[in-house]
PDB file of N, CA and C in Angstrom:
ATOM      1  N   MET A   1       4.985  16.095 -21.372  1.00  0.00           N
ATOM      2  CA  MET A   1       4.067  15.947 -20.256  1.00  0.00           C
ATOM      3  C   MET A   1       4.868  15.659 -18.985  1.00  0.00           C
ATOM      4  N   ASN A   2       4.379  16.173 -17.875  1.00  0.00           N
ATOM      5  CA  ASN A   2       5.023  15.933 -16.590  1.00  0.00           C
ATOM      6  C   ASN A   2       4.760  14.495 -16.138  1.00  0.00           C
ATOM      7  N   LYS A   3       5.755  13.898 -15.529  1.00  0.00           N
ATOM      8  CA  LYS A   3       5.648  12.505 -15.110  1.00  0.00           C
ATOM      9  C   LYS A   3       4.874  12.333 -13.800  1.00  0.00           C
ATOM     10  N   TYR A   4       4.832  13.405 -12.971  1.00  0.00           N
ATOM     11  CA  TYR A   4       4.191  13.317 -11.664  1.00  0.00           C
ATOM     12  C   TYR A   4       3.139  14.405 -11.519  1.00  0.00           C
ATOM     13  N   ILE A   5       2.089  14.082 -10.759  1.00  0.00           N
ATOM     14  CA  ILE A   5       0.992  15.025 -10.537  1.00  0.00           C
ATOM     15  C   ILE A   5       0.554  15.024  -9.084  1.00  0.00           C
ATOM     16  N   LEU A   6      -0.071  16.123  -8.711  1.00  0.00           N
ATOM     17  CA  LEU A   6      -0.755  16.253  -7.432  1.00  0.00           C
ATOM     18  C   LEU A   6      -2.236  16.291  -7.763  1.00  0.00           C
ATOM     19  N   VAL A   7      -2.988  15.342  -7.238  1.00  0.00           N
ATOM     20  CA  VAL A   7      -4.424  15.285  -7.483  1.00  0.00           C
ATOM     21  C   VAL A   7      -5.129  15.765  -6.220  1.00  0.00           C
ATOM     22  N   LEU A   8      -6.113  16.616  -6.415  1.00  0.00           N
ATOM     23  CA  LEU A   8      -6.899  17.149  -5.300  1.00  0.00           C
ATOM     24  C   LEU A   8      -8.322  16.633  -5.385  1.00  0.00           C
ATOM     25  N   THR A   9      -8.863  16.280  -4.245  1.00  0.00           N
ATOM     26  CA  THR A   9     -10.280  15.984  -4.121  1.00  0.00           C
ATOM     27  C   THR A   9     -10.717  16.413  -2.731  1.00  0.00           C
ATOM     28  N   THR A  10     -11.989  16.697  -2.574  1.00  0.00           N
ATOM     29  CA  THR A  10     -12.519  17.069  -1.264  1.00  0.00           C
ATOM     30  C   THR A  10     -13.477  15.988  -0.800  1.00  0.00           C
ATOM     31  N   VAL A  11     -13.573  15.847   0.519  1.00  0.00           N
ATOM     32  CA  VAL A  11     -14.458  14.854   1.124  1.00  0.00           C
ATOM     33  C   VAL A  11     -15.229  15.501   2.277  1.00  0.00           C
ATOM     34  N   PRO A  12     -16.368  14.925   2.647  1.00  0.00           N
ATOM     35  CA  PRO A  12     -17.215  15.559   3.657  1.00  0.00           C
ATOM     36  C   PRO A  12     -16.713  15.459   5.092  1.00  0.00           C
ATOM     37  N   ASP A  13     -15.839  14.487   5.365  1.00  0.00           N
ATOM     38  CA  ASP A  13     -15.370  14.321   6.741  1.00  0.00           C
ATOM     39  C   ASP A  13     -14.024  13.594   6.751  1.00  0.00           C
ATOM     40  N   GLU A  14     -13.379  13.657   7.893  1.00  0.00           N
ATOM     41  CA  GLU A  14     -12.047  13.071   8.039  1.00  0.00           C
ATOM     42  C   GLU A  14     -12.058  11.553   7.833  1.00  0.00           C
ATOM     43  N   LYS A  15     -13.076  10.878   8.351  1.00  0.00           N
ATOM     44  CA  LYS A  15     -13.156   9.422   8.222  1.00  0.00           C
ATOM     45  C   LYS A  15     -13.193   9.010   6.749  1.00  0.00           C
ATOM     46  N   THR A  16     -13.986   9.695   5.947  1.00  0.00           N
ATOM     47  CA  THR A  16     -14.046   9.405   4.516  1.00  0.00           C
ATOM     48  C   THR A  16     -12.685   9.650   3.880  1.00  0.00           C
ATOM     49  N   GLY A  17     -12.029  10.732   4.278  1.00  0.00           N
ATOM     50  CA  GLY A  17     -10.693  11.029   3.771  1.00  0.00           C
ATOM     51  C   GLY A  17      -9.716   9.915   4.067  1.00  0.00           C
ATOM     52  N   HIS A  18      -9.760   9.410   5.296  1.00  0.00           N
ATOM     53  CA  HIS A  18      -8.856   8.326   5.693  1.00  0.00           C
ATOM     54  C   HIS A  18      -9.152   7.053   4.894  1.00  0.00           C
ATOM     55  N   THR A  19     -10.426   6.756   4.682  1.00  0.00           N
ATOM     56  CA  THR A  19     -10.816   5.558   3.936  1.00  0.00           C
ATOM     57  C   THR A  19     -10.311   5.625   2.497  1.00  0.00           C
ATOM     58  N   ILE A  20     -10.536   6.766   1.844  1.00  0.00           N
ATOM     59  CA  ILE A  20     -10.092   6.923   0.454  1.00  0.00           C
ATOM     60  C   ILE A  20      -8.567   6.914   0.384  1.00  0.00           C
ATOM     61  N   ALA A  21      -7.911   7.634   1.290  1.00  0.00           N
ATOM     62  CA  ALA A  21      -6.450   7.692   1.300  1.00  0.00           C
ATOM     63  C   ALA A  21      -5.850   6.300   1.443  1.00  0.00           C
ATOM     64  N   GLU A  22      -6.354   5.547   2.401  1.00  0.00           N
ATOM     65  CA  GLU A  22      -5.815   4.209   2.635  1.00  0.00           C
ATOM     66  C   GLU A  22      -6.002   3.316   1.405  1.00  0.00           C
ATOM     67  N   GLN A  23      -7.153   3.397   0.767  1.00  0.00           N
ATOM     68  CA  GLN A  23      -7.411   2.569  -0.410  1.00  0.00           C
ATOM     69  C   GLN A  23      -6.480   2.926  -1.569  1.00  0.00           C
ATOM     70  N   LEU A  24      -6.278   4.226  -1.797  1.00  0.00           N
ATOM     71  CA  LEU A  24      -5.410   4.660  -2.898  1.00  0.00           C
ATOM     72  C   LEU A  24      -3.964   4.239  -2.681  1.00  0.00           C
ATOM     73  N   VAL A  25      -3.501   4.345  -1.440  1.00  0.00           N
ATOM     74  CA  VAL A  25      -2.124   3.942  -1.134  1.00  0.00           C
ATOM     75  C   VAL A  25      -1.992   2.417  -1.169  1.00  0.00           C
ATOM     76  N   LYS A  26      -2.977   1.730  -0.614  1.00  0.00           N
ATOM     77  CA  LYS A  26      -2.954   0.259  -0.607  1.00  0.00           C
ATOM     78  C   LYS A  26      -2.869  -0.300  -2.025  1.00  0.00           C
ATOM     79  N   GLU A  27      -3.617   0.303  -2.948  1.00  0.00           N
ATOM     80  CA  GLU A  27      -3.622  -0.168  -4.340  1.00  0.00           C
ATOM     81  C   GLU A  27      -2.468   0.419  -5.155  1.00  0.00           C
ATOM     82  N   ARG A  28      -1.605   1.177  -4.496  1.00  0.00           N
ATOM     83  CA  ARG A  28      -0.425   1.800  -5.115  1.00  0.00           C
ATOM     84  C   ARG A  28      -0.790   2.735  -6.276  1.00  0.00           C
ATOM     85  N   LEU A  29      -1.975   3.338  -6.172  1.00  0.00           N
ATOM     86  CA  LEU A  29      -2.369   4.381  -7.117  1.00  0.00           C
ATOM     87  C   LEU A  29      -1.779   5.716  -6.698  1.00  0.00           C
ATOM     88  N   SER A  30      -1.316   5.783  -5.463  1.00  0.00           N
ATOM     89  CA  SER A  30      -0.668   6.974  -4.921  1.00  0.00           C
ATOM     90  C   SER A  30       0.425   6.544  -3.960  1.00  0.00           C
ATOM     91  N   ALA A  31       1.515   7.304  -3.945  1.00  0.00           N
ATOM     92  CA  ALA A  31       2.586   7.035  -2.985  1.00  0.00           C
ATOM     93  C   ALA A  31       2.228   7.606  -1.624  1.00  0.00           C
ATOM     94  N   CYS A  32       1.445   8.698  -1.634  1.00  0.00           N
ATOM     95  CA  CYS A  32       1.109   9.391  -0.391  1.00  0.00           C
ATOM     96  C   CYS A  32      -0.173  10.189  -0.589  1.00  0.00           C
ATOM     97  N   VAL A  33      -1.029  10.182   0.421  1.00  0.00           N
ATOM     98  CA  VAL A  33      -2.219  11.035   0.434  1.00  0.00           C
ATOM     99  C   VAL A  33      -2.221  11.782   1.762  1.00  0.00           C
ATOM    100  N   THR A  34      -2.272  13.084   1.681  1.00  0.00           N
ATOM    101  CA  THR A  34      -2.362  13.927   2.873  1.00  0.00           C
ATOM    102  C   THR A  34      -3.809  14.379   3.032  1.00  0.00           C
ATOM    103  N   VAL A  35      -4.368  14.180   4.219  1.00  0.00           N
ATOM    104  CA  VAL A  35      -5.734  14.608   4.524  1.00  0.00           C
ATOM    105  C   VAL A  35      -5.638  15.891   5.342  1.00  0.00           C
ATOM    106  N   SER A  36      -6.214  16.967   4.819  1.00  0.00           N
ATOM    107  CA  SER A  36      -6.131  18.263   5.501  1.00  0.00           C
ATOM    108  C   SER A  36      -7.091  18.328   6.687  1.00  0.00           C
ATOM    109  N   ALA A  37      -6.871  19.339   7.502  1.00  0.00           N
ATOM    110  CA  ALA A  37      -7.847  19.681   8.536  1.00  0.00           C
ATOM    111  C   ALA A  37      -9.090  20.210   7.832  1.00  0.00           C
ATOM    112  N   ALA A  38     -10.157  20.372   8.563  1.00  0.00           N
ATOM    113  CA  ALA A  38     -11.403  20.870   7.974  1.00  0.00           C
ATOM    114  C   ALA A  38     -11.206  22.267   7.397  1.00  0.00           C
ATOM    115  N   SER A  39     -11.854  22.499   6.265  1.00  0.00           N
ATOM    116  CA  SER A  39     -11.872  23.811   5.634  1.00  0.00           C
ATOM    117  C   SER A  39     -13.312  24.090   5.213  1.00  0.00           C
ATOM    118  N   GLN A  40     -13.573  25.303   4.825  1.00  0.00           N
ATOM    119  CA  GLN A  40     -14.926  25.704   4.442  1.00  0.00           C
ATOM    120  C   GLN A  40     -14.993  25.863   2.935  1.00  0.00           C
ATOM    121  N   SER A  41     -15.949  25.213   2.304  1.00  0.00           N
ATOM    122  CA  SER A  41     -16.132  25.310   0.855  1.00  0.00           C
ATOM    123  C   SER A  41     -17.461  25.986   0.549  1.00  0.00           C
ATOM    124  N   PHE A  42     -17.426  26.894  -0.403  1.00  0.00           N
ATOM    125  CA  PHE A  42     -18.614  27.564  -0.908  1.00  0.00           C
ATOM    126  C   PHE A  42     -18.713  27.215  -2.375  1.00  0.00           C
ATOM    127  N   TYR A  43     -19.865  26.735  -2.828  1.00  0.00           N
ATOM    128  CA  TYR A  43     -20.001  26.301  -4.219  1.00  0.00           C
ATOM    129  C   TYR A  43     -21.474  26.256  -4.634  1.00  0.00           C
ATOM    130  N   TRP A  44     -21.666  26.304  -5.950  1.00  0.00           N
ATOM    131  CA  TRP A  44     -23.008  26.148  -6.499  1.00  0.00           C
ATOM    132  C   TRP A  44     -23.342  24.670  -6.561  1.00  0.00           C
ATOM    133  N   TRP A  45     -24.533  24.287  -6.086  1.00  0.00           N
ATOM    134  CA  TRP A  45     -25.002  22.921  -6.212  1.00  0.00           C
ATOM    135  C   TRP A  45     -26.519  22.945  -6.321  1.00  0.00           C
ATOM    136  N   GLN A  46     -27.023  22.368  -7.384  1.00  0.00           N
ATOM    137  CA  GLN A  46     -28.454  22.257  -7.648  1.00  0.00           C
ATOM    138  C   GLN A  46     -29.169  23.604  -7.530  1.00  0.00           C
ATOM    139  N   GLY A  47     -28.562  24.621  -8.158  1.00  0.00           N
ATOM    140  CA  GLY A  47     -29.193  25.922  -8.273  1.00  0.00           C
ATOM    141  C   GLY A  47     -29.073  26.852  -7.088  1.00  0.00           C
ATOM    142  N   LYS A  48     -28.301  26.445  -6.063  1.00  0.00           N
ATOM    143  CA  LYS A  48     -28.128  27.345  -4.924  1.00  0.00           C
ATOM    144  C   LYS A  48     -26.700  27.254  -4.389  1.00  0.00           C
ATOM    145  N   ILE A  49     -26.311  28.261  -3.637  1.00  0.00           N
ATOM    146  CA  ILE A  49     -24.969  28.275  -3.055  1.00  0.00           C
ATOM    147  C   ILE A  49     -24.963  27.417  -1.797  1.00  0.00           C
ATOM    148  N   SER A  50     -24.019  26.494  -1.746  1.00  0.00           N
ATOM    149  CA  SER A  50     -23.832  25.633  -0.575  1.00  0.00           C
ATOM    150  C   SER A  50     -22.605  26.099   0.184  1.00  0.00           C
ATOM    151  N   ASN A  51     -22.588  25.832   1.463  1.00  0.00           N
ATOM    152  CA  ASN A  51     -21.499  26.200   2.360  1.00  0.00           C
ATOM    153  C   ASN A  51     -21.290  25.016   3.292  1.00  0.00           C
ATOM    154  N   GLU A  52     -20.223  24.262   3.062  1.00  0.00           N
ATOM    155  CA  GLU A  52     -19.993  23.027   3.820  1.00  0.00           C
ATOM    156  C   GLU A  52     -18.557  22.918   4.300  1.00  0.00           C
ATOM    157  N   LYS A  53     -18.374  22.222   5.412  1.00  0.00           N
ATOM    158  CA  LYS A  53     -17.026  21.862   5.852  1.00  0.00           C
ATOM    159  C   LYS A  53     -16.587  20.660   5.034  1.00  0.00           C
ATOM    160  N   GLU A  54     -15.344  20.702   4.581  1.00  0.00           N
ATOM    161  CA  GLU A  54     -14.771  19.596   3.827  1.00  0.00           C
ATOM    162  C   GLU A  54     -13.300  19.439   4.208  1.00  0.00           C
ATOM    163  N   HIS A  55     -12.757  18.295   3.861  1.00  0.00           N
ATOM    164  CA  HIS A  55     -11.331  18.029   3.998  1.00  0.00           C
ATOM    165  C   HIS A  55     -10.768  17.864   2.599  1.00  0.00           C
ATOM    166  N   ILE A  56      -9.563  18.339   2.384  1.00  0.00           N
ATOM    167  CA  ILE A  56      -8.907  18.222   1.084  1.00  0.00           C
ATOM    168  C   ILE A  56      -7.925  17.056   1.133  1.00  0.00           C
ATOM    169  N   LEU A  57      -7.946  16.226   0.099  1.00  0.00           N
ATOM    170  CA  LEU A  57      -6.950  15.171  -0.037  1.00  0.00           C
ATOM    171  C   LEU A  57      -5.923  15.632  -1.067  1.00  0.00           C
ATOM    172  N   PHE A  58      -4.660  15.586  -0.685  1.00  0.00           N
ATOM    173  CA  PHE A  58      -3.537  15.904  -1.557  1.00  0.00           C
ATOM    174  C   PHE A  58      -2.899  14.566  -1.942  1.00  0.00           C
ATOM    175  N   ILE A  59      -3.098  14.160  -3.183  1.00  0.00           N
ATOM    176  CA  ILE A  59      -2.727  12.825  -3.646  1.00  0.00           C
ATOM    177  C   ILE A  59      -1.519  12.935  -4.572  1.00  0.00           C
ATOM    178  N   LYS A  60      -0.401  12.340  -4.170  1.00  0.00           N
ATOM    179  CA  LYS A  60       0.832  12.395  -4.965  1.00  0.00           C
ATOM    180  C   LYS A  60       0.992  11.104  -5.744  1.00  0.00           C
ATOM    181  N   THR A  61       1.111  11.252  -7.080  1.00  0.00           N
ATOM    182  CA  THR A  61       1.144  10.066  -7.924  1.00  0.00           C
ATOM    183  C   THR A  61       1.819  10.351  -9.259  1.00  0.00           C
ATOM    184  N   LYS A  62       1.792   9.341 -10.137  1.00  0.00           N
ATOM    185  CA  LYS A  62       2.327   9.480 -11.488  1.00  0.00           C
ATOM    186  C   LYS A  62       1.202   9.847 -12.450  1.00  0.00           C
ATOM    187  N   THR A  63       1.519  10.652 -13.425  1.00  0.00           N
ATOM    188  CA  THR A  63       0.546  11.046 -14.443  1.00  0.00           C
ATOM    189  C   THR A  63      -0.071   9.821 -15.112  1.00  0.00           C
ATOM    190  N   ALA A  64       0.743   8.809 -15.358  1.00  0.00           N
ATOM    191  CA  ALA A  64       0.270   7.596 -16.030  1.00  0.00           C
ATOM    192  C   ALA A  64      -0.815   6.867 -15.241  1.00  0.00           C
ATOM    193  N   LEU A  65      -0.930   7.134 -13.949  1.00  0.00           N
ATOM    194  CA  LEU A  65      -1.930   6.459 -13.112  1.00  0.00           C
ATOM    195  C   LEU A  65      -3.223   7.260 -12.966  1.00  0.00           C
ATOM    196  N   PHE A  66      -3.293   8.446 -13.581  1.00  0.00           N
ATOM    197  CA  PHE A  66      -4.452   9.312 -13.362  1.00  0.00           C
ATOM    198  C   PHE A  66      -5.777   8.640 -13.710  1.00  0.00           C
ATOM    199  N   THR A  67      -5.869   7.992 -14.843  1.00  0.00           N
ATOM    200  CA  THR A  67      -7.138   7.386 -15.252  1.00  0.00           C
ATOM    201  C   THR A  67      -7.613   6.342 -14.248  1.00  0.00           C
ATOM    202  N   ASP A  68      -6.709   5.474 -13.801  1.00  0.00           N
ATOM    203  CA  ASP A  68      -7.068   4.462 -12.798  1.00  0.00           C
ATOM    204  C   ASP A  68      -7.419   5.113 -11.462  1.00  0.00           C
ATOM    205  N   LEU A  69      -6.668   6.130 -11.094  1.00  0.00           N
ATOM    206  CA  LEU A  69      -6.924   6.855  -9.847  1.00  0.00           C
ATOM    207  C   LEU A  69      -8.298   7.522  -9.889  1.00  0.00           C
ATOM    208  N   GLU A  70      -8.585   8.203 -10.976  1.00  0.00           N
ATOM    209  CA  GLU A  70      -9.884   8.861 -11.137  1.00  0.00           C
ATOM    210  C   GLU A  70     -11.028   7.851 -11.028  1.00  0.00           C
ATOM    211  N   LYS A  71     -10.880   6.729 -11.697  1.00  0.00           N
ATOM    212  CA  LYS A  71     -11.904   5.676 -11.667  1.00  0.00           C
ATOM    213  C   LYS A  71     -12.128   5.180 -10.237  1.00  0.00           C
ATOM    214  N   LYS A  72     -11.041   4.950  -9.502  1.00  0.00           N
ATOM    215  CA  LYS A  72     -11.140   4.461  -8.118  1.00  0.00           C
ATOM    216  C   LYS A  72     -11.814   5.500  -7.225  1.00  0.00           C
ATOM    217  N   ILE A  73     -11.418   6.773  -7.360  1.00  0.00           N
ATOM    218  CA  ILE A  73     -12.038   7.825  -6.546  1.00  0.00           C
ATOM    219  C   ILE A  73     -13.534   7.873  -6.829  1.00  0.00           C
ATOM    220  N   GLU A  74     -13.910   7.872  -8.098  1.00  0.00           N
ATOM    221  CA  GLU A  74     -15.338   7.927  -8.438  1.00  0.00           C
ATOM    222  C   GLU A  74     -16.089   6.712  -7.890  1.00  0.00           C
ATOM    223  N   GLU A  75     -15.436   5.575  -7.841  1.00  0.00           N
ATOM    224  CA  GLU A  75     -16.049   4.342  -7.344  1.00  0.00           C
ATOM    225  C   GLU A  75     -16.329   4.401  -5.837  1.00  0.00           C
ATOM    226  N   ILE A  76     -15.413   4.980  -5.059  1.00  0.00           N
ATOM    227  CA  ILE A  76     -15.540   4.924  -3.595  1.00  0.00           C
ATOM    228  C   ILE A  76     -15.929   6.251  -2.956  1.00  0.00           C
ATOM    229  N   HIS A  77     -16.011   7.308  -3.723  1.00  0.00           N
ATOM    230  CA  HIS A  77     -16.307   8.645  -3.193  1.00  0.00           C
ATOM    231  C   HIS A  77     -17.803   8.796  -2.951  1.00  0.00           C
ATOM    232  N   PRO A  78     -18.207   9.428  -1.838  1.00  0.00           N
ATOM    233  CA  PRO A  78     -19.638   9.579  -1.552  1.00  0.00           C
ATOM    234  C   PRO A  78     -20.344  10.665  -2.366  1.00  0.00           C
ATOM    235  N   TYR A  79     -19.603  11.588  -2.967  1.00  0.00           N
ATOM    236  CA  TYR A  79     -20.240  12.675  -3.713  1.00  0.00           C
ATOM    237  C   TYR A  79     -20.716  12.213  -5.082  1.00  0.00           C
ATOM    238  N   GLU A  80     -21.809  12.792  -5.535  1.00  0.00           N
ATOM    239  CA  GLU A  80     -22.332  12.528  -6.875  1.00  0.00           C
ATOM    240  C   GLU A  80     -21.350  13.019  -7.936  1.00  0.00           C
ATOM    241  N   VAL A  81     -20.744  14.186  -7.686  1.00  0.00           N
ATOM    242  CA  VAL A  81     -19.761  14.768  -8.606  1.00  0.00           C
ATOM    243  C   VAL A  81     -18.523  15.159  -7.789  1.00  0.00           C
ATOM    244  N   PRO A  82     -17.616  14.205  -7.540  1.00  0.00           N
ATOM    245  CA  PRO A  82     -16.436  14.553  -6.752  1.00  0.00           C
ATOM    246  C   PRO A  82     -15.473  15.450  -7.521  1.00  0.00           C
ATOM    247  N   GLU A  83     -14.862  16.366  -6.799  1.00  0.00           N
ATOM    248  CA  GLU A  83     -13.782  17.175  -7.378  1.00  0.00           C
ATOM    249  C   GLU A  83     -12.585  16.258  -7.584  1.00  0.00           C
ATOM    250  N   ILE A  84     -12.071  16.219  -8.799  1.00  0.00           N
ATOM    251  CA  ILE A  84     -10.854  15.459  -9.100  1.00  0.00           C
ATOM    252  C   ILE A  84     -10.054  16.323 -10.064  1.00  0.00           C
ATOM    253  N   ILE A  85      -9.021  16.973  -9.534  1.00  0.00           N
ATOM    254  CA  ILE A  85      -8.212  17.920 -10.301  1.00  0.00           C
ATOM    255  C   ILE A  85      -6.754  17.499 -10.206  1.00  0.00           C
ATOM    256  N   ALA A  86      -6.068  17.467 -11.333  1.00  0.00           N
ATOM    257  CA  ALA A  86      -4.653  17.102 -11.341  1.00  0.00           C
ATOM    258  C   ALA A  86      -3.804  18.317 -11.707  1.00  0.00           C
ATOM    259  N   LEU A  87      -2.755  18.524 -10.926  1.00  0.00           N
ATOM    260  CA  LEU A  87      -1.799  19.601 -11.169  1.00  0.00           C
ATOM    261  C   LEU A  87      -0.427  18.986 -11.418  1.00  0.00           C
ATOM    262  N   PRO A  88       0.273  19.431 -12.460  1.00  0.00           N
ATOM    263  CA  PRO A  88       1.595  18.851 -12.743  1.00  0.00           C
ATOM    264  C   PRO A  88       2.649  19.329 -11.754  1.00  0.00           C
ATOM    265  N   PHE A  89       3.618  18.473 -11.490  1.00  0.00           N
ATOM    266  CA  PHE A  89       4.795  18.878 -10.722  1.00  0.00           C
ATOM    267  C   PHE A  89       5.697  19.635 -11.693  1.00  0.00           C
ATOM    268  N   LEU A  90       6.013  20.868 -11.416  1.00  0.00           N
ATOM    269  CA  LEU A  90       6.945  21.609 -12.254  1.00  0.00           C
ATOM    270  C   LEU A  90       8.376  21.259 -11.898  1.00  0.00           C
ATOM    271  N   GLU A  91       8.614  21.062 -10.638  1.00  0.00           N
ATOM    272  CA  GLU A  91       9.929  20.673 -10.125  1.00  0.00           C
ATOM    273  C   GLU A  91       9.699  19.807  -8.898  1.00  0.00           C
ATOM    274  N   GLY A  92      10.740  19.118  -8.470  1.00  0.00           N
ATOM    275  CA  GLY A  92      10.638  18.319  -7.262  1.00  0.00           C
ATOM    276  C   GLY A  92      11.984  17.745  -6.891  1.00  0.00           C
ATOM    277  N   SER A  93      12.137  17.474  -5.626  1.00  0.00           N
ATOM    278  CA  SER A  93      13.355  16.843  -5.131  1.00  0.00           C
ATOM    279  C   SER A  93      13.520  15.486  -5.807  1.00  0.00           C
ATOM    280  N   ALA A  94      14.700  15.216  -6.317  1.00  0.00           N
ATOM    281  CA  ALA A  94      14.959  13.934  -6.990  1.00  0.00           C
ATOM    282  C   ALA A  94      14.663  12.759  -6.056  1.00  0.00           C
ATOM    283  N   LYS A  95      15.038  12.884  -4.787  1.00  0.00           N
ATOM    284  CA  LYS A  95      14.792  11.801  -3.829  1.00  0.00           C
ATOM    285  C   LYS A  95      13.295  11.557  -3.665  1.00  0.00           C
ATOM    286  N   TYR A  96      12.522  12.636  -3.565  1.00  0.00           N
ATOM    287  CA  TYR A  96      11.071  12.497  -3.384  1.00  0.00           C
ATOM    288  C   TYR A  96      10.424  11.911  -4.630  1.00  0.00           C
ATOM    289  N   LEU A  97      10.805  12.375  -5.810  1.00  0.00           N
ATOM    290  CA  LEU A  97      10.235  11.860  -7.050  1.00  0.00           C
ATOM    291  C   LEU A  97      10.603  10.391  -7.256  1.00  0.00           C
ATOM    292  N   ASN A  98      11.807  10.027  -6.905  1.00  0.00           N
ATOM    293  CA  ASN A  98      12.204   8.618  -6.979  1.00  0.00           C
ATOM    294  C   ASN A  98      11.375   7.765  -6.032  1.00  0.00           C
ATOM    295  N   TRP A  99      11.082   8.316  -4.862  1.00  0.00           N
ATOM    296  CA  TRP A  99      10.249   7.608  -3.892  1.00  0.00           C
ATOM    297  C   TRP A  99       8.846   7.399  -4.446  1.00  0.00           C
ATOM    298  N   ILE A 100       8.242   8.420  -5.058  1.00  0.00           N
ATOM    299  CA  ILE A 100       6.921   8.264  -5.687  1.00  0.00           C
ATOM    300  C   ILE A 100       6.974   7.161  -6.742  1.00  0.00           C
ATOM    301  N   GLU A 101       8.007   7.197  -7.550  1.00  0.00           N
ATOM    302  CA  GLU A 101       8.188   6.197  -8.602  1.00  0.00           C
ATOM    303  C   GLU A 101       8.204   4.785  -8.013  1.00  0.00           C
ATOM    304  N   LYS A 102       8.961   4.619  -6.951  1.00  0.00           N
ATOM    305  CA  LYS A 102       9.128   3.300  -6.308  1.00  0.00           C
ATOM    306  C   LYS A 102       7.855   2.801  -5.650  1.00  0.00           C
ATOM    307  N   GLU A 103       7.074   3.705  -5.067  1.00  0.00           N
ATOM    308  CA  GLU A 103       5.932   3.304  -4.245  1.00  0.00           C
ATOM    309  C   GLU A 103       4.583   3.252  -4.975  1.00  0.00           C
ATOM    310  N   THR A 104       4.600   3.493  -6.283  1.00  0.00           N
ATOM    311  CA  THR A 104       3.361   3.403  -7.063  1.00  0.00           C
ATOM    312  C   THR A 104       3.500   2.312  -8.120  1.00  0.00           C
ATOM    313  N   LYS A 105       2.345   1.910  -8.651  1.00  0.00           N
ATOM    314  CA  LYS A 105       2.321   0.877  -9.698  1.00  0.00           C
ATOM    315  C   LYS A 105       3.124   1.296 -10.917  1.00  0.00           C
ATOM    316  N   ASP A 106       3.596   0.302 -11.647  1.00  0.00           N
ATOM    317  CA  ASP A 106       4.258   0.550 -12.936  1.00  0.00           C
ATOM    318  C   ASP A 106       3.220   0.857 -13.986  1.00  0.00           C
TER     319      ASP A 106
END
């Protein structure tokens, strides 16, 4: 299993993104969260196609923290069913991976 992951979630606005990002970093569930500019999402919700502006959070963390991270996102996220997807790091700069290791919980 890969030791580090990139977790993606979407939020309805920049302020929500900043709130979630700050909480995840403060609790050391993530070393870094990048909040994207607005993007357009198209998806099925309650039997119809929705089209909304959203921001993507790029959450860099350790695989071992995923369960706690997921729980925290679900706790503070405004969506009924938040997107929470983890992608493994296939490769990474040793300096950057060491930094993630240092800046997240054991």
